[in-house]
Amino acid sequence: MSKFIQVSTTFSKKDDALKFADLIVKERLCSCTQIIGPINSIYWWDGKINNTEEWLCLIKSINSLYPEIEKSIKKLHPYKLPEILCTNIKKGSKEYLNWLKIEIKKKINL
């Protein structure tokens, strides 16, 4: 299993996404968080189809930090049930993955 991951979550406000991204980068829970948006999300909630504008956060990190990332999302997120999805990164450029590792290594010892 790859030690590198990408976690995704969405926010309804760009400012909330920026505050969250700034915090987890400063805490070195990730090397990078990209914010993409606005995007439209169409989904079921409370028995109705909703169509809302959201901002997608893509968080680059490692498996061992996932529990802290999930905890931070749940603590800081305004949604009752925020999206929290984690995908293993199987491959990437050697230079990019090395950079990711170096930045996270400043928090933990890999």
N, C-alpha and C. Protein backbone atom coordinates (compact mmCIF):
# COMPACT_ATOMS: atom_id res chain seq x y z
N MET A 1 0.84 -1.18 0.00
CA MET A 1 0.00 0.00 0.00
C MET A 1 0.89 1.25 0.00
N SER A 2 0.49 2.23 -0.75
CA SER A 2 1.23 3.48 -0.84
C SER A 2 1.15 4.24 0.46
N LYS A 3 2.24 4.90 0.81
CA LYS A 3 2.17 5.73 2.01
C LYS A 3 1.61 7.11 1.71
N PHE A 4 1.54 7.49 0.44
CA PHE A 4 1.03 8.80 0.05
C PHE A 4 -0.47 8.72 -0.23
N ILE A 5 -1.20 9.75 0.22
CA ILE A 5 -2.65 9.79 0.05
C ILE A 5 -3.10 11.17 -0.43
N GLN A 6 -4.33 11.19 -0.95
CA GLN A 6 -5.01 12.44 -1.23
C GLN A 6 -6.38 12.35 -0.59
N VAL A 7 -6.68 13.30 0.28
CA VAL A 7 -7.96 13.35 0.98
C VAL A 7 -8.77 14.48 0.36
N SER A 8 -10.06 14.24 0.14
CA SER A 8 -10.91 15.30 -0.40
C SER A 8 -12.05 15.61 0.56
N THR A 9 -12.40 16.90 0.58
CA THR A 9 -13.55 17.38 1.32
C THR A 9 -14.05 18.63 0.60
N THR A 10 -15.28 19.02 0.88
CA THR A 10 -15.85 20.21 0.24
C THR A 10 -16.38 21.17 1.30
N PHE A 11 -16.39 22.45 0.93
CA PHE A 11 -16.94 23.51 1.78
C PHE A 11 -17.90 24.35 0.96
N SER A 12 -18.91 24.91 1.61
CA SER A 12 -19.87 25.74 0.89
C SER A 12 -19.37 27.17 0.68
N LYS A 13 -18.35 27.56 1.46
CA LYS A 13 -17.81 28.92 1.34
C LYS A 13 -16.31 28.86 1.09
N LYS A 14 -15.85 29.68 0.15
CA LYS A 14 -14.42 29.71 -0.17
C LYS A 14 -13.59 30.09 1.05
N ASP A 15 -14.06 31.06 1.83
CA ASP A 15 -13.32 31.49 3.02
C ASP A 15 -13.13 30.34 4.00
N ASP A 16 -14.15 29.50 4.17
CA ASP A 16 -14.01 28.33 5.07
C ASP A 16 -12.97 27.36 4.53
N ALA A 17 -12.97 27.13 3.23
CA ALA A 17 -11.98 26.24 2.61
C ALA A 17 -10.57 26.79 2.80
N LEU A 18 -10.41 28.11 2.60
CA LEU A 18 -9.09 28.74 2.76
C LEU A 18 -8.60 28.66 4.20
N LYS A 19 -9.48 28.92 5.16
CA LYS A 19 -9.10 28.84 6.58
C LYS A 19 -8.68 27.43 6.95
N PHE A 20 -9.47 26.45 6.49
CA PHE A 20 -9.15 25.05 6.77
C PHE A 20 -7.81 24.66 6.16
N ALA A 21 -7.61 24.99 4.88
CA ALA A 21 -6.37 24.64 4.19
C ALA A 21 -5.16 25.28 4.88
N ASP A 22 -5.29 26.54 5.24
CA ASP A 22 -4.20 27.24 5.92
C ASP A 22 -3.84 26.54 7.23
N LEU A 23 -4.85 26.14 7.99
CA LEU A 23 -4.61 25.50 9.28
C LEU A 23 -3.89 24.16 9.13
N ILE A 24 -4.39 23.30 8.23
CA ILE A 24 -3.76 21.97 8.17
C ILE A 24 -2.38 22.01 7.52
N VAL A 25 -2.14 22.99 6.67
CA VAL A 25 -0.78 23.14 6.12
C VAL A 25 0.15 23.63 7.22
N LYS A 26 -0.29 24.63 8.00
CA LYS A 26 0.54 25.14 9.10
C LYS A 26 0.83 24.06 10.13
N GLU A 27 -0.13 23.18 10.37
CA GLU A 27 0.06 22.08 11.33
C GLU A 27 0.87 20.93 10.72
N ARG A 28 1.24 21.05 9.43
CA ARG A 28 2.00 20.05 8.70
C ARG A 28 1.31 18.69 8.65
N LEU A 29 -0.03 18.72 8.61
CA LEU A 29 -0.77 17.49 8.39
C LEU A 29 -0.73 17.10 6.92
N CYS A 30 -0.29 18.04 6.09
CA CYS A 30 -0.16 17.80 4.66
C CYS A 30 0.92 18.72 4.12
N SER A 31 1.37 18.40 2.91
CA SER A 31 2.35 19.26 2.24
C SER A 31 1.66 20.33 1.42
N CYS A 32 0.44 20.03 0.99
CA CYS A 32 -0.27 20.92 0.08
C CYS A 32 -1.76 20.64 0.16
N THR A 33 -2.55 21.69 0.09
CA THR A 33 -3.99 21.55 -0.10
C THR A 33 -4.38 22.46 -1.25
N GLN A 34 -4.97 21.87 -2.27
CA GLN A 34 -5.46 22.65 -3.41
C GLN A 34 -6.95 22.90 -3.22
N ILE A 35 -7.38 24.11 -3.56
CA ILE A 35 -8.79 24.46 -3.47
C ILE A 35 -9.29 24.72 -4.89
N ILE A 36 -10.29 23.97 -5.28
CA ILE A 36 -10.84 24.05 -6.62
C ILE A 36 -12.30 24.50 -6.52
N GLY A 37 -12.66 25.46 -7.33
CA GLY A 37 -14.06 25.85 -7.30
C GLY A 37 -14.29 27.20 -7.92
N PRO A 38 -15.51 27.58 -7.93
CA PRO A 38 -16.63 26.80 -7.39
C PRO A 38 -16.99 25.63 -8.30
N ILE A 39 -17.51 24.59 -7.65
CA ILE A 39 -18.04 23.43 -8.35
C ILE A 39 -19.50 23.29 -7.96
N ASN A 40 -20.28 22.60 -8.75
CA ASN A 40 -21.66 22.29 -8.39
C ASN A 40 -21.72 20.85 -7.91
N SER A 41 -22.37 20.66 -6.77
CA SER A 41 -22.60 19.32 -6.24
C SER A 41 -24.11 19.07 -6.25
N ILE A 42 -24.49 17.96 -6.83
CA ILE A 42 -25.89 17.56 -6.86
C ILE A 42 -25.99 16.26 -6.06
N TYR A 43 -26.83 16.24 -5.03
CA TYR A 43 -26.83 15.13 -4.08
C TYR A 43 -28.17 15.03 -3.35
N TRP A 44 -28.39 13.86 -2.79
CA TRP A 44 -29.56 13.64 -1.93
C TRP A 44 -29.24 14.09 -0.52
N TRP A 45 -30.18 14.80 0.14
CA TRP A 45 -30.06 15.16 1.55
C TRP A 45 -31.46 15.39 2.11
N ASP A 46 -31.78 14.72 3.19
CA ASP A 46 -33.10 14.83 3.82
C ASP A 46 -34.24 14.56 2.85
N GLY A 47 -34.05 13.55 2.00
CA GLY A 47 -35.11 13.13 1.09
C GLY A 47 -35.32 14.01 -0.13
N LYS A 48 -34.41 14.98 -0.34
CA LYS A 48 -34.54 15.88 -1.49
C LYS A 48 -33.23 15.94 -2.25
N ILE A 49 -33.35 16.21 -3.54
CA ILE A 49 -32.15 16.45 -4.35
C ILE A 49 -31.76 17.91 -4.19
N ASN A 50 -30.50 18.13 -3.87
CA ASN A 50 -29.96 19.48 -3.69
C ASN A 50 -28.93 19.77 -4.78
N ASN A 51 -28.80 21.03 -5.11
CA ASN A 51 -27.78 21.49 -6.07
C ASN A 51 -27.12 22.71 -5.43
N THR A 52 -25.88 22.53 -4.98
CA THR A 52 -25.21 23.61 -4.28
C THR A 52 -23.83 23.88 -4.86
N GLU A 53 -23.38 25.10 -4.65
CA GLU A 53 -22.03 25.49 -5.05
C GLU A 53 -21.09 25.18 -3.89
N GLU A 54 -19.97 24.55 -4.21
CA GLU A 54 -19.01 24.18 -3.17
C GLU A 54 -17.59 24.42 -3.66
N TRP A 55 -16.66 24.31 -2.71
CA TRP A 55 -15.23 24.44 -2.98
C TRP A 55 -14.57 23.13 -2.55
N LEU A 56 -13.87 22.49 -3.47
CA LEU A 56 -13.25 21.19 -3.24
C LEU A 56 -11.81 21.37 -2.76
N CYS A 57 -11.50 20.73 -1.64
CA CYS A 57 -10.13 20.73 -1.11
C CYS A 57 -9.50 19.36 -1.37
N LEU A 58 -8.32 19.37 -2.01
CA LEU A 58 -7.54 18.16 -2.25
C LEU A 58 -6.29 18.23 -1.40
N ILE A 59 -6.20 17.34 -0.43
CA ILE A 59 -5.16 17.38 0.61
C ILE A 59 -4.14 16.29 0.33
N LYS A 60 -2.86 16.68 0.13
CA LYS A 60 -1.79 15.72 -0.15
C LYS A 60 -1.05 15.41 1.15
N SER A 61 -1.00 14.11 1.51
CA SER A 61 -0.39 13.74 2.78
C SER A 61 0.09 12.29 2.74
N ILE A 62 0.17 11.68 3.93
CA ILE A 62 0.58 10.28 4.07
C ILE A 62 -0.42 9.53 4.96
N ASN A 63 -0.46 8.21 4.79
CA ASN A 63 -1.41 7.37 5.52
C ASN A 63 -1.41 7.59 7.02
N SER A 64 -0.25 7.69 7.62
CA SER A 64 -0.18 7.77 9.08
C SER A 64 -0.80 9.06 9.63
N LEU A 65 -0.96 10.08 8.80
CA LEU A 65 -1.58 11.33 9.25
C LEU A 65 -3.08 11.40 8.96
N TYR A 66 -3.61 10.38 8.28
CA TYR A 66 -5.04 10.40 7.95
C TYR A 66 -5.95 10.60 9.17
N PRO A 67 -5.74 9.86 10.27
CA PRO A 67 -6.64 10.06 11.42
C PRO A 67 -6.68 11.52 11.92
N GLU A 68 -5.53 12.20 11.93
CA GLU A 68 -5.51 13.60 12.35
C GLU A 68 -6.21 14.51 11.35
N ILE A 69 -6.06 14.20 10.06
CA ILE A 69 -6.73 14.99 9.02
C ILE A 69 -8.24 14.83 9.16
N GLU A 70 -8.71 13.59 9.31
CA GLU A 70 -10.14 13.34 9.48
C GLU A 70 -10.68 14.06 10.71
N LYS A 71 -9.94 13.99 11.80
CA LYS A 71 -10.36 14.66 13.04
C LYS A 71 -10.45 16.18 12.83
N SER A 72 -9.49 16.76 12.13
CA SER A 72 -9.50 18.20 11.87
C SER A 72 -10.69 18.59 11.00
N ILE A 73 -10.98 17.80 9.98
CA ILE A 73 -12.13 18.09 9.12
C ILE A 73 -13.41 18.08 9.96
N LYS A 74 -13.61 17.03 10.74
CA LYS A 74 -14.83 16.91 11.55
C LYS A 74 -14.94 18.05 12.57
N LYS A 75 -13.83 18.46 13.13
CA LYS A 75 -13.84 19.52 14.15
C LYS A 75 -14.15 20.89 13.54
N LEU A 76 -13.59 21.17 12.37
CA LEU A 76 -13.67 22.51 11.79
C LEU A 76 -14.78 22.69 10.77
N HIS A 77 -15.38 21.61 10.32
CA HIS A 77 -16.33 21.67 9.22
C HIS A 77 -17.72 22.10 9.68
N PRO A 78 -18.36 23.00 8.94
CA PRO A 78 -19.72 23.42 9.31
C PRO A 78 -20.80 22.40 8.94
N TYR A 79 -20.52 21.46 8.03
CA TYR A 79 -21.53 20.49 7.62
C TYR A 79 -21.77 19.46 8.72
N LYS A 80 -23.00 19.00 8.81
CA LYS A 80 -23.35 17.92 9.74
C LYS A 80 -22.63 16.63 9.34
N LEU A 81 -22.53 16.40 8.03
CA LEU A 81 -21.87 15.21 7.49
C LEU A 81 -20.97 15.62 6.33
N PRO A 82 -19.72 16.02 6.65
CA PRO A 82 -18.83 16.45 5.57
C PRO A 82 -18.30 15.28 4.74
N GLU A 83 -18.03 15.57 3.48
CA GLU A 83 -17.34 14.59 2.63
C GLU A 83 -15.93 14.42 3.16
N ILE A 84 -15.54 13.18 3.39
CA ILE A 84 -14.15 12.87 3.73
C ILE A 84 -13.82 11.58 2.99
N LEU A 85 -13.06 11.72 1.91
CA LEU A 85 -12.66 10.57 1.11
C LEU A 85 -11.15 10.54 1.00
N CYS A 86 -10.59 9.35 1.11
CA CYS A 86 -9.14 9.19 1.06
C CYS A 86 -8.78 8.20 -0.06
N THR A 87 -7.85 8.62 -0.90
CA THR A 87 -7.39 7.81 -2.02
C THR A 87 -5.89 7.60 -1.91
N ASN A 88 -5.45 6.37 -2.09
CA ASN A 88 -4.01 6.10 -2.13
C ASN A 88 -3.43 6.62 -3.43
N ILE A 89 -2.26 7.22 -3.34
CA ILE A 89 -1.53 7.66 -4.52
C ILE A 89 -0.60 6.52 -4.91
N LYS A 90 -0.90 5.86 -6.01
CA LYS A 90 -0.10 4.71 -6.44
C LYS A 90 1.21 5.14 -7.09
N LYS A 91 1.14 6.19 -7.88
CA LYS A 91 2.33 6.67 -8.58
C LYS A 91 2.29 8.18 -8.68
N GLY A 92 3.47 8.74 -8.87
CA GLY A 92 3.62 10.17 -9.07
C GLY A 92 5.07 10.44 -9.44
N SER A 93 5.34 11.66 -9.83
CA SER A 93 6.73 11.95 -10.18
C SER A 93 7.60 11.81 -8.93
N LYS A 94 8.76 11.27 -9.14
CA LYS A 94 9.71 11.04 -8.04
C LYS A 94 10.00 12.35 -7.31
N GLU A 95 10.17 13.42 -8.07
CA GLU A 95 10.51 14.72 -7.48
C GLU A 95 9.36 15.27 -6.63
N TYR A 96 8.13 15.14 -7.12
CA TYR A 96 6.97 15.66 -6.38
C TYR A 96 6.76 14.86 -5.09
N LEU A 97 6.81 13.53 -5.19
CA LEU A 97 6.62 12.70 -3.99
C LEU A 97 7.75 12.91 -2.99
N ASN A 98 8.95 13.16 -3.46
CA ASN A 98 10.06 13.46 -2.56
C ASN A 98 9.81 14.78 -1.82
N TRP A 99 9.34 15.79 -2.55
CA TRP A 99 9.00 17.06 -1.92
C TRP A 99 7.91 16.87 -0.86
N LEU A 100 6.88 16.10 -1.21
CA LEU A 100 5.79 15.84 -0.27
C LEU A 100 6.35 15.21 1.01
N LYS A 101 7.22 14.22 0.83
CA LYS A 101 7.82 13.52 1.97
C LYS A 101 8.69 14.46 2.81
N ILE A 102 9.48 15.29 2.17
CA ILE A 102 10.36 16.21 2.91
C ILE A 102 9.55 17.17 3.77
N GLU A 103 8.49 17.72 3.23
CA GLU A 103 7.69 18.68 3.98
C GLU A 103 6.97 18.04 5.16
N ILE A 104 6.47 16.83 4.97
CA ILE A 104 5.78 16.13 6.06
C ILE A 104 6.78 15.63 7.09
N LYS A 105 7.97 15.28 6.62
CA LYS A 105 9.00 14.78 7.53
C LYS A 105 9.36 15.81 8.59
N LYS A 106 9.11 17.07 8.31
CA LYS A 106 9.37 18.12 9.29
C LYS A 106 8.41 18.02 10.48
N LYS A 107 7.30 17.26 10.32
CA LYS A 107 6.37 17.04 11.42
C LYS A 107 6.64 15.70 12.11
N ILE A 108 6.88 14.67 11.30
CA ILE A 108 7.09 13.32 11.86
C ILE A 108 8.36 12.74 11.24
N ASN A 109 8.79 11.67 11.78
CA ASN A 109 9.97 11.00 11.24
C ASN A 109 9.53 9.82 10.37
N LEU A 110 9.66 9.98 9.05
CA LEU A 110 9.28 8.90 8.13
C LEU A 110 10.35 7.82 8.09
